[in-house]
Amino acid sequence: EGARAVLARRADITVAVLDVVMESENAGLALLDWMHTRPALAAMR
């Protein structure tokens, strides 16, 4: 949830390093699916 707030505000990030397990066992993968819907993040590694 905190990462979503950062990414919504700052879409100029070069590389994102995601843990899979955060507030839930699959929180990182759910975040990855959300990121995939954001065109402004398409260039981010």
All heavy atoms as atom14 arrays in JSON, in Angstrom:
{
  "sequence": "EGARAVLARRADITVAVLDVVMESENAGLALLDWMHTRPALAAMR",
  "atom14_mask": [
    [1, 1, 1, 1, 1, 1, 1, 1, 1, 0, 0, 0, 0, 0],
    [1, 1, 1, 1, 0, 0, 0, 0, 0, 0, 0, 0, 0, 0],
    [1, 1, 1, 1, 1, 0, 0, 0, 0, 0, 0, 0, 0, 0],
    [1, 1, 1, 1, 1, 1, 1, 1, 1, 1, 1, 0, 0, 0],
    [1, 1, 1, 1, 1, 0, 0, 0, 0, 0, 0, 0, 0, 0],
    [1, 1, 1, 1, 1, 1, 1, 0, 0, 0, 0, 0, 0, 0],
    [1, 1, 1, 1, 1, 1, 1, 1, 0, 0, 0, 0, 0, 0],
    [1, 1, 1, 1, 1, 0, 0, 0, 0, 0, 0, 0, 0, 0],
    [1, 1, 1, 1, 1, 1, 1, 1, 1, 1, 1, 0, 0, 0],
    [1, 1, 1, 1, 1, 1, 1, 1, 1, 1, 1, 0, 0, 0],
    [1, 1, 1, 1, 1, 0, 0, 0, 0, 0, 0, 0, 0, 0],
    [1, 1, 1, 1, 1, 1, 1, 1, 0, 0, 0, 0, 0, 0],
    [1, 1, 1, 1, 1, 1, 1, 1, 0, 0, 0, 0, 0, 0],
    [1, 1, 1, 1, 1, 1, 1, 0, 0, 0, 0, 0, 0, 0],
    [1, 1, 1, 1, 1, 1, 1, 0, 0, 0, 0, 0, 0, 0],
    [1, 1, 1, 1, 1, 0, 0, 0, 0, 0, 0, 0, 0, 0],
    [1, 1, 1, 1, 1, 1, 1, 0, 0, 0, 0, 0, 0, 0],
    [1, 1, 1, 1, 1, 1, 1, 1, 0, 0, 0, 0, 0, 0],
    [1, 1, 1, 1, 1, 1, 1, 1, 0, 0, 0, 0, 0, 0],
    [1, 1, 1, 1, 1, 1, 1, 0, 0, 0, 0, 0, 0, 0],
    [1, 1, 1, 1, 1, 1, 1, 0, 0, 0, 0, 0, 0, 0],
    [1, 1, 1, 1, 1, 1, 1, 1, 0, 0, 0, 0, 0, 0],
    [1, 1, 1, 1, 1, 1, 1, 1, 1, 0, 0, 0, 0, 0],
    [1, 1, 1, 1, 1, 1, 0, 0, 0, 0, 0, 0, 0, 0],
    [1, 1, 1, 1, 1, 1, 1, 1, 1, 0, 0, 0, 0, 0],
    [1, 1, 1, 1, 1, 1, 1, 1, 0, 0, 0, 0, 0, 0],
    [1, 1, 1, 1, 1, 0, 0, 0, 0, 0, 0, 0, 0, 0],
    [1, 1, 1, 1, 0, 0, 0, 0, 0, 0, 0, 0, 0, 0],
    [1, 1, 1, 1, 1, 1, 1, 1, 0, 0, 0, 0, 0, 0],
    [1, 1, 1, 1, 1, 0, 0, 0, 0, 0, 0, 0, 0, 0],
    [1, 1, 1, 1, 1, 1, 1, 1, 0, 0, 0, 0, 0, 0],
    [1, 1, 1, 1, 1, 1, 1, 1, 0, 0, 0, 0, 0, 0],
    [1, 1, 1, 1, 1, 1, 1, 1, 0, 0, 0, 0, 0, 0],
    [1, 1, 1, 1, 1, 1, 1, 1, 1, 1, 1, 1, 1, 1],
    [1, 1, 1, 1, 1, 1, 1, 1, 0, 0, 0, 0, 0, 0],
    [1, 1, 1, 1, 1, 1, 1, 1, 1, 1, 0, 0, 0, 0],
    [1, 1, 1, 1, 1, 1, 1, 0, 0, 0, 0, 0, 0, 0],
    [1, 1, 1, 1, 1, 1, 1, 1, 1, 1, 1, 0, 0, 0],
    [1, 1, 1, 1, 1, 1, 1, 0, 0, 0, 0, 0, 0, 0],
    [1, 1, 1, 1, 1, 0, 0, 0, 0, 0, 0, 0, 0, 0],
    [1, 1, 1, 1, 1, 1, 1, 1, 0, 0, 0, 0, 0, 0],
    [1, 1, 1, 1, 1, 0, 0, 0, 0, 0, 0, 0, 0, 0],
    [1, 1, 1, 1, 1, 0, 0, 0, 0, 0, 0, 0, 0, 0],
    [1, 1, 1, 1, 1, 1, 1, 1, 0, 0, 0, 0, 0, 0],
    [1, 1, 1, 1, 1, 1, 1, 1, 1, 1, 1, 0, 0, 0]
  ],
  "atom14_positions": [
    [[0.84, -1.2, 0.0], [0.0, 0.0, 0.0], [0.88, 1.26, 0.0], [0.6, 2.22, -0.72], [-0.92, 0.0, 1.23], [-1.95, 1.11, 1.24], [-2.92, 1.02, 0.07], [-3.17, -0.11, -0.39], [-3.41, 2.07, -0.37], [0.0, 0.0, 0.0], [0.0, 0.0, 0.0], [0.0, 0.0, 0.0], [0.0, 0.0, 0.0], [0.0, 0.0, 0.0]],
    [[1.95, 1.24, 0.8], [2.86, 2.37, 0.8], [3.56, 2.54, -0.54], [3.78, 3.67, -1.01], [0.0, 0.0, 0.0], [0.0, 0.0, 0.0], [0.0, 0.0, 0.0], [0.0, 0.0, 0.0], [0.0, 0.0, 0.0], [0.0, 0.0, 0.0], [0.0, 0.0, 0.0], [0.0, 0.0, 0.0], [0.0, 0.0, 0.0], [0.0, 0.0, 0.0]],
    [[3.89, 1.42, -1.19], [4.53, 1.49, -2.5], [3.59, 2.09, -3.54], [4.01, 2.86, -4.41], [4.99, 0.1, -2.93], [0.0, 0.0, 0.0], [0.0, 0.0, 0.0], [0.0, 0.0, 0.0], [0.0, 0.0, 0.0], [0.0, 0.0, 0.0], [0.0, 0.0, 0.0], [0.0, 0.0, 0.0], [0.0, 0.0, 0.0], [0.0, 0.0, 0.0]],
    [[2.3, 1.74, -3.47], [1.33, 2.32, -4.41], [1.3, 3.84, -4.27], [1.23, 4.57, -5.26], [-0.06, 1.74, -4.18], [-0.24, 0.33, -4.68], [-1.72, -0.1, -4.57], [-1.87, -1.49, -4.94], [-1.81, -2.51, -4.09], [-1.59, -2.27, -2.8], [-1.95, -3.75, -4.51], [0.0, 0.0, 0.0], [0.0, 0.0, 0.0], [0.0, 0.0, 0.0]],
    [[1.35, 4.32, -3.03], [1.33, 5.77, -2.81], [2.56, 6.42, -3.41], [2.48, 7.48, -4.04], [1.23, 6.06, -1.31], [0.0, 0.0, 0.0], [0.0, 0.0, 0.0], [0.0, 0.0, 0.0], [0.0, 0.0, 0.0], [0.0, 0.0, 0.0], [0.0, 0.0, 0.0], [0.0, 0.0, 0.0], [0.0, 0.0, 0.0], [0.0, 0.0, 0.0]],
    [[3.73, 5.79, -3.24], [4.96, 6.34, -3.81], [4.91, 6.34, -5.32], [5.24, 7.34, -5.98], [6.19, 5.54, -3.32], [7.44, 5.96, -4.06], [6.39, 5.74, -1.82], [0.0, 0.0, 0.0], [0.0, 0.0, 0.0], [0.0, 0.0, 0.0], [0.0, 0.0, 0.0], [0.0, 0.0, 0.0], [0.0, 0.0, 0.0], [0.0, 0.0, 0.0]],
    [[4.47, 5.23, -5.9], [4.46, 5.1, -7.36], [3.4, 5.99, -8.01], [3.56, 6.42, -9.15], [4.23, 3.64, -7.75], [5.38, 2.69, -7.4], [4.92, 1.24, -7.52], [6.57, 2.94, -8.3], [0.0, 0.0, 0.0], [0.0, 0.0, 0.0], [0.0, 0.0, 0.0], [0.0, 0.0, 0.0], [0.0, 0.0, 0.0], [0.0, 0.0, 0.0]],
    [[2.32, 6.27, -7.31], [1.31, 7.18, -7.85], [1.83, 8.61, -7.89], [1.46, 9.4, -8.75], [0.04, 7.1, -7.01], [0.0, 0.0, 0.0], [0.0, 0.0, 0.0], [0.0, 0.0, 0.0], [0.0, 0.0, 0.0], [0.0, 0.0, 0.0], [0.0, 0.0, 0.0], [0.0, 0.0, 0.0], [0.0, 0.0, 0.0], [0.0, 0.0, 0.0]],
    [[2.72, 8.93, -6.95], [3.24, 10.29, -6.86], [4.51, 10.47, -7.67], [4.79, 11.55, -8.19], [3.51, 10.61, -5.39], [3.92, 12.05, -5.11], [4.02, 12.3, -3.62], [5.08, 11.55, -2.99], [4.91, 10.52, -2.17], [3.7, 10.1, -1.9], [5.93, 9.88, -1.63], [0.0, 0.0, 0.0], [0.0, 0.0, 0.0], [0.0, 0.0, 0.0]],
    [[5.32, 9.42, -7.77], [6.63, 9.51, -8.42], [6.74, 8.41, -9.47], [7.14, 7.29, -9.16], [7.75, 9.35, -7.39], [7.87, 10.51, -6.42], [8.43, 11.74, -7.12], [9.72, 11.47, -7.72], [10.89, 11.58, -7.06], [10.9, 11.96, -5.81], [12.02, 11.34, -7.69], [0.0, 0.0, 0.0], [0.0, 0.0, 0.0], [0.0, 0.0, 0.0]],
    [[6.39, 8.74, -10.7], [6.45, 7.76, -11.77], [7.75, 7.85, -12.55], [7.86, 7.32, -13.65], [5.27, 7.93, -12.71], [0.0, 0.0, 0.0], [0.0, 0.0, 0.0], [0.0, 0.0, 0.0], [0.0, 0.0, 0.0], [0.0, 0.0, 0.0], [0.0, 0.0, 0.0], [0.0, 0.0, 0.0], [0.0, 0.0, 0.0], [0.0, 0.0, 0.0]],
    [[8.77, 8.52, -11.99], [10.05, 8.67, -12.67], [11.1, 7.71, -12.12], [12.3, 7.95, -12.23], [10.55, 10.11, -12.53], [10.76, 10.53, -11.07], [10.06, 9.99, -10.19], [11.61, 11.39, -10.82], [0.0, 0.0, 0.0], [0.0, 0.0, 0.0], [0.0, 0.0, 0.0], [0.0, 0.0, 0.0], [0.0, 0.0, 0.0], [0.0, 0.0, 0.0]],
    [[10.68, 6.62, -11.52], [11.59, 5.69, -10.85], [12.24, 4.77, -11.88], [11.58, 4.25, -12.78], [10.84, 4.88, -9.78], [10.31, 5.85, -8.71], [11.73, 3.83, -9.14], [9.35, 5.21, -7.74], [0.0, 0.0, 0.0], [0.0, 0.0, 0.0], [0.0, 0.0, 0.0], [0.0, 0.0, 0.0], [0.0, 0.0, 0.0], [0.0, 0.0, 0.0]],
    [[13.54, 4.56, -11.74], [14.3, 3.76, -12.7], [14.13, 2.26, -12.46], [13.85, 1.5, -13.38], [15.79, 4.14, -12.63], [15.92, 5.53, -12.9], [16.61, 3.34, -13.62], [0.0, 0.0, 0.0], [0.0, 0.0, 0.0], [0.0, 0.0, 0.0], [0.0, 0.0, 0.0], [0.0, 0.0, 0.0], [0.0, 0.0, 0.0], [0.0, 0.0, 0.0]],
    [[14.34, 1.83, -11.22], [14.27, 0.41, -10.88], [13.46, 0.24, -9.6], [13.67, 0.97, -8.63], [15.68, -0.2, -10.66], [15.57, -1.69, -10.35], [16.58, 0.04, -11.85], [0.0, 0.0, 0.0], [0.0, 0.0, 0.0], [0.0, 0.0, 0.0], [0.0, 0.0, 0.0], [0.0, 0.0, 0.0], [0.0, 0.0, 0.0], [0.0, 0.0, 0.0]],
    [[12.55, -0.71, -9.6], [11.8, -1.07, -8.39], [12.22, -2.47, -7.96], [12.2, -3.39, -8.78], [10.3, -1.02, -8.65], [0.0, 0.0, 0.0], [0.0, 0.0, 0.0], [0.0, 0.0, 0.0], [0.0, 0.0, 0.0], [0.0, 0.0, 0.0], [0.0, 0.0, 0.0], [0.0, 0.0, 0.0], [0.0, 0.0, 0.0], [0.0, 0.0, 0.0]],
    [[12.61, -2.62, -6.7], [12.96, -3.92, -6.14], [11.84, -4.32, -5.18], [11.61, -3.65, -4.17], [14.32, -3.86, -5.4], [14.67, -5.24, -4.84], [15.42, -3.37, -6.34], [0.0, 0.0, 0.0], [0.0, 0.0, 0.0], [0.0, 0.0, 0.0], [0.0, 0.0, 0.0], [0.0, 0.0, 0.0], [0.0, 0.0, 0.0], [0.0, 0.0, 0.0]],
    [[11.12, -5.39, -5.52], [9.92, -5.77, -4.78], [10.13, -7.05, -3.98], [10.56, -8.07, -4.54], [8.75, -6.0, -5.74], [8.3, -4.85, -6.65], [7.1, -5.3, -7.46], [7.98, -3.63, -5.84], [0.0, 0.0, 0.0], [0.0, 0.0, 0.0], [0.0, 0.0, 0.0], [0.0, 0.0, 0.0], [0.0, 0.0, 0.0], [0.0, 0.0, 0.0]],
    [[9.81, -7.0, -2.7], [9.65, -8.22, -1.93], [8.3, -8.82, -2.26], [7.34, -8.08, -2.53], [9.72, -7.93, -0.43], [11.13, -8.09, 0.12], [11.91, -8.84, -0.49], [11.45, -7.45, 1.13], [0.0, 0.0, 0.0], [0.0, 0.0, 0.0], [0.0, 0.0, 0.0], [0.0, 0.0, 0.0], [0.0, 0.0, 0.0], [0.0, 0.0, 0.0]],
    [[8.2, -10.12, -2.24], [6.92, -10.77, -2.5], [6.05, -10.71, -1.26], [4.87, -10.34, -1.31], [7.12, -12.23, -2.95], [5.77, -12.95, -3.04], [7.83, -12.27, -4.3], [0.0, 0.0, 0.0], [0.0, 0.0, 0.0], [0.0, 0.0, 0.0], [0.0, 0.0, 0.0], [0.0, 0.0, 0.0], [0.0, 0.0, 0.0], [0.0, 0.0, 0.0]],
    [[6.62, -11.07, -0.1], [5.85, -11.11, 1.15], [6.01, -9.77, 1.86], [7.1, -9.4, 2.28], [6.34, -12.26, 2.05], [5.54, -12.28, 3.35], [6.2, -13.6, 1.31], [0.0, 0.0, 0.0], [0.0, 0.0, 0.0], [0.0, 0.0, 0.0], [0.0, 0.0, 0.0], [0.0, 0.0, 0.0], [0.0, 0.0, 0.0], [0.0, 0.0, 0.0]],
    [[4.89, -9.06, 2.01], [4.89, -7.81, 2.79], [3.74, -7.89, 3.78], [3.77, -8.74, 4.67], [4.81, -6.6, 1.84], [6.11, -6.38, 1.05], [6.12, -4.91, 0.02], [5.32, -5.56, -1.47], [0.0, 0.0, 0.0], [0.0, 0.0, 0.0], [0.0, 0.0, 0.0], [0.0, 0.0, 0.0], [0.0, 0.0, 0.0], [0.0, 0.0, 0.0]],
    [[2.7, -7.05, 3.62], [1.6, -7.15, 4.59], [0.77, -8.42, 4.41], [-0.06, -8.76, 5.26], [0.7, -5.91, 4.54], [-0.02, -5.69, 3.21], [0.73, -4.75, 2.3], [1.94, -4.98, 2.07], [0.13, -3.79, 1.82], [0.0, 0.0, 0.0], [0.0, 0.0, 0.0], [0.0, 0.0, 0.0], [0.0, 0.0, 0.0], [0.0, 0.0, 0.0]],
    [[0.97, -9.11, 3.28], [0.37, -10.42, 3.07], [1.35, -11.28, 2.28], [2.37, -10.78, 1.79], [-0.97, -10.3, 2.3], [-0.73, -9.89, 0.96], [0.0, 0.0, 0.0], [0.0, 0.0, 0.0], [0.0, 0.0, 0.0], [0.0, 0.0, 0.0], [0.0, 0.0, 0.0], [0.0, 0.0, 0.0], [0.0, 0.0, 0.0], [0.0, 0.0, 0.0]],
    [[1.05, -12.57, 2.15], [2.0, -13.48, 1.51], [2.23, -13.16, 0.05], [3.3, -13.46, -0.5], [1.49, -14.93, 1.65], [1.52, -15.44, 3.09], [1.13, -16.9, 3.17], [0.71, -17.46, 2.13], [1.24, -17.48, 4.27], [0.0, 0.0, 0.0], [0.0, 0.0, 0.0], [0.0, 0.0, 0.0], [0.0, 0.0, 0.0], [0.0, 0.0, 0.0]],
    [[1.24, -12.55, -0.61], [1.37, -12.26, -2.04], [1.23, -10.77, -2.34], [0.89, -10.39, -3.46], [0.31, -13.04, -2.83], [0.55, -14.54, -2.75], [1.64, -15.01, -3.03], [-0.48, -15.27, -2.34], [0.0, 0.0, 0.0], [0.0, 0.0, 0.0], [0.0, 0.0, 0.0], [0.0, 0.0, 0.0], [0.0, 0.0, 0.0], [0.0, 0.0, 0.0]],
    [[1.51, -9.93, -1.35], [1.32, -8.49, -1.54], [2.19, -7.96, -2.68], [1.76, -7.1, -3.46], [1.63, -7.74, -0.25], [0.0, 0.0, 0.0], [0.0, 0.0, 0.0], [0.0, 0.0, 0.0], [0.0, 0.0, 0.0], [0.0, 0.0, 0.0], [0.0, 0.0, 0.0], [0.0, 0.0, 0.0], [0.0, 0.0, 0.0], [0.0, 0.0, 0.0]],
    [[3.41, -8.46, -2.78], [4.31, -7.99, -3.83], [3.81, -8.34, -5.22], [3.93, -7.55, -6.16], [0.0, 0.0, 0.0], [0.0, 0.0, 0.0], [0.0, 0.0, 0.0], [0.0, 0.0, 0.0], [0.0, 0.0, 0.0], [0.0, 0.0, 0.0], [0.0, 0.0, 0.0], [0.0, 0.0, 0.0], [0.0, 0.0, 0.0], [0.0, 0.0, 0.0]],
    [[3.24, -9.54, -5.36], [2.72, -9.94, -6.67], [1.47, -9.16, -7.03], [1.26, -8.8, -8.2], [2.42, -11.45, -6.66], [3.63, -12.35, -6.39], [3.21, -13.81, -6.43], [4.74, -12.08, -7.39], [0.0, 0.0, 0.0], [0.0, 0.0, 0.0], [0.0, 0.0, 0.0], [0.0, 0.0, 0.0], [0.0, 0.0, 0.0], [0.0, 0.0, 0.0]],
    [[0.62, -8.86, -6.03], [-0.56, -8.03, -6.29], [-0.12, -6.62, -6.7], [-0.71, -6.0, -7.59], [-1.45, -7.98, -5.05], [0.0, 0.0, 0.0], [0.0, 0.0, 0.0], [0.0, 0.0, 0.0], [0.0, 0.0, 0.0], [0.0, 0.0, 0.0], [0.0, 0.0, 0.0], [0.0, 0.0, 0.0], [0.0, 0.0, 0.0], [0.0, 0.0, 0.0]],
    [[0.93, -6.12, -6.05], [1.46, -4.81, -6.42], [1.99, -4.83, -7.85], [1.78, -3.89, -8.62], [2.58, -4.41, -5.45], [3.33, -3.12, -5.77], [2.39, -1.93, -5.74], [4.48, -2.93, -4.77], [0.0, 0.0, 0.0], [0.0, 0.0, 0.0], [0.0, 0.0, 0.0], [0.0, 0.0, 0.0], [0.0, 0.0, 0.0], [0.0, 0.0, 0.0]],
    [[2.65, -5.91, -8.22], [3.18, -6.04, -9.57], [2.04, -5.99, -10.6], [2.16, -5.33, -11.65], [3.96, -7.34, -9.7], [4.67, -7.6, -11.03], [5.73, -6.54, -11.29], [5.31, -9.0, -11.0], [0.0, 0.0, 0.0], [0.0, 0.0, 0.0], [0.0, 0.0, 0.0], [0.0, 0.0, 0.0], [0.0, 0.0, 0.0], [0.0, 0.0, 0.0]],
    [[0.93, -6.67, -10.31], [-0.22, -6.63, -11.21], [-0.76, -5.21, -11.33], [-1.14, -4.76, -12.42], [-1.32, -7.58, -10.72], [-0.93, -9.04, -10.87], [-0.08, -9.34, -11.73], [-1.47, -9.88, -10.12], [0.0, 0.0, 0.0], [0.0, 0.0, 0.0], [0.0, 0.0, 0.0], [0.0, 0.0, 0.0], [0.0, 0.0, 0.0], [0.0, 0.0, 0.0]],
    [[-0.83, -4.49, -10.21], [-1.3, -3.1, -10.23], [-0.36, -2.22, -11.05], [-0.81, -1.4, -11.86], [-1.4, -2.58, -8.81], [-1.77, -1.12, -8.7], [-3.03, -0.59, -8.73], [-0.87, -0.02, -8.57], [-2.97, 0.78, -8.62], [-1.66, 1.16, -8.51], [0.52, 0.09, -8.48], [-1.09, 2.43, -8.38], [1.08, 1.35, -8.35], [0.28, 2.5, -8.3]],
    [[0.94, -2.4, -10.89], [1.93, -1.61, -11.63], [1.78, -1.83, -13.13], [1.99, -0.92, -13.93], [3.34, -1.97, -11.17], [3.66, -1.48, -9.77], [5.08, -2.34, -9.03], [6.37, -2.01, -10.21], [0.0, 0.0, 0.0], [0.0, 0.0, 0.0], [0.0, 0.0, 0.0], [0.0, 0.0, 0.0], [0.0, 0.0, 0.0], [0.0, 0.0, 0.0]],
    [[1.41, -3.04, -13.51], [1.28, -3.37, -14.93], [0.15, -2.57, -15.59], [0.14, -2.4, -16.81], [1.01, -4.87, -15.08], [1.04, -5.35, -16.5], [2.18, -5.3, -17.28], [0.06, -5.87, -17.29], [1.91, -5.77, -18.48], [0.64, -6.12, -18.52], [0.0, 0.0, 0.0], [0.0, 0.0, 0.0], [0.0, 0.0, 0.0], [0.0, 0.0, 0.0]],
    [[-0.8, -2.06, -14.8], [-1.91, -1.28, -15.35], [-1.59, 0.19, -15.46], [-2.43, 0.97, -15.94], [-3.17, -1.44, -14.47], [-2.96, -0.78, -13.21], [-3.49, -2.9, -14.24], [0.0, 0.0, 0.0], [0.0, 0.0, 0.0], [0.0, 0.0, 0.0], [0.0, 0.0, 0.0], [0.0, 0.0, 0.0], [0.0, 0.0, 0.0], [0.0, 0.0, 0.0]],
    [[-0.39, 0.62, -15.03], [-0.05, 2.04, -15.02], [0.88, 2.36, -16.19], [2.07, 2.04, -16.16], [0.67, 2.41, -13.72], [0.01, 1.87, -12.47], [-1.35, 2.47, -12.25], [-1.28, 3.9, -11.95], [-2.33, 4.64, -11.65], [-3.53, 4.1, -11.63], [-2.19, 5.91, -11.4], [0.0, 0.0, 0.0], [0.0, 0.0, 0.0], [0.0, 0.0, 0.0]],
    [[0.38, 2.99, -17.25], [1.24, 3.28, -18.41], [2.46, 4.11, -18.06], [3.51, 3.96, -18.67], [0.29, 4.05, -19.35], [-1.08, 3.59, -18.97], [-1.02, 3.37, -17.49], [0.0, 0.0, 0.0], [0.0, 0.0, 0.0], [0.0, 0.0, 0.0], [0.0, 0.0, 0.0], [0.0, 0.0, 0.0], [0.0, 0.0, 0.0], [0.0, 0.0, 0.0]],
    [[2.36, 4.99, -17.06], [3.49, 5.85, -16.7], [4.66, 5.05, -16.12], [5.77, 5.56, -16.03], [3.05, 6.92, -15.71], [0.0, 0.0, 0.0], [0.0, 0.0, 0.0], [0.0, 0.0, 0.0], [0.0, 0.0, 0.0], [0.0, 0.0, 0.0], [0.0, 0.0, 0.0], [0.0, 0.0, 0.0], [0.0, 0.0, 0.0], [0.0, 0.0, 0.0]],
    [[4.41, 3.8, -15.7], [5.47, 2.97, -15.11], [6.05, 1.98, -16.12], [6.88, 1.15, -15.75], [4.92, 2.2, -13.91], [4.29, 3.04, -12.79], [3.75, 2.12, -11.7], [5.28, 4.03, -12.21], [0.0, 0.0, 0.0], [0.0, 0.0, 0.0], [0.0, 0.0, 0.0], [0.0, 0.0, 0.0], [0.0, 0.0, 0.0], [0.0, 0.0, 0.0]],
    [[5.63, 2.08, -17.37], [6.0, 1.05, -18.35], [7.5, 0.94, -18.55], [8.02, -0.14, -18.83], [5.3, 1.32, -19.67], [0.0, 0.0, 0.0], [0.0, 0.0, 0.0], [0.0, 0.0, 0.0], [0.0, 0.0, 0.0], [0.0, 0.0, 0.0], [0.0, 0.0, 0.0], [0.0, 0.0, 0.0], [0.0, 0.0, 0.0], [0.0, 0.0, 0.0]],
    [[8.23, 2.05, -18.44], [9.68, 2.02, -18.7], [10.48, 1.56, -17.49], [11.66, 1.24, -17.61], [10.15, 3.41, -19.13], [0.0, 0.0, 0.0], [0.0, 0.0, 0.0], [0.0, 0.0, 0.0], [0.0, 0.0, 0.0], [0.0, 0.0, 0.0], [0.0, 0.0, 0.0], [0.0, 0.0, 0.0], [0.0, 0.0, 0.0], [0.0, 0.0, 0.0]],
    [[9.88, 1.5, -16.32], [10.59, 1.16, -15.1], [11.03, -0.3, -15.11], [10.3, -1.18, -15.55], [9.68, 1.42, -13.9], [10.34, 1.21, -12.54], [9.22, 1.68, -11.2], [7.91, 0.46, -11.41], [0.0, 0.0, 0.0], [0.0, 0.0, 0.0], [0.0, 0.0, 0.0], [0.0, 0.0, 0.0], [0.0, 0.0, 0.0], [0.0, 0.0, 0.0]],
    [[12.25, -0.56, -14.64], [12.73, -1.93, -14.5], [12.24, -2.5, -13.18], [12.19, -1.81, -12.16], [14.27, -1.96, -14.53], [14.9, -1.2, -15.68], [14.7, -1.88, -17.01], [15.43, -3.14, -17.09], [15.48, -3.89, -18.19], [14.81, -3.51, -19.29], [16.17, -5.01, -18.22], [0.0, 0.0, 0.0], [0.0, 0.0, 0.0], [0.0, 0.0, 0.0]]
  ]
}
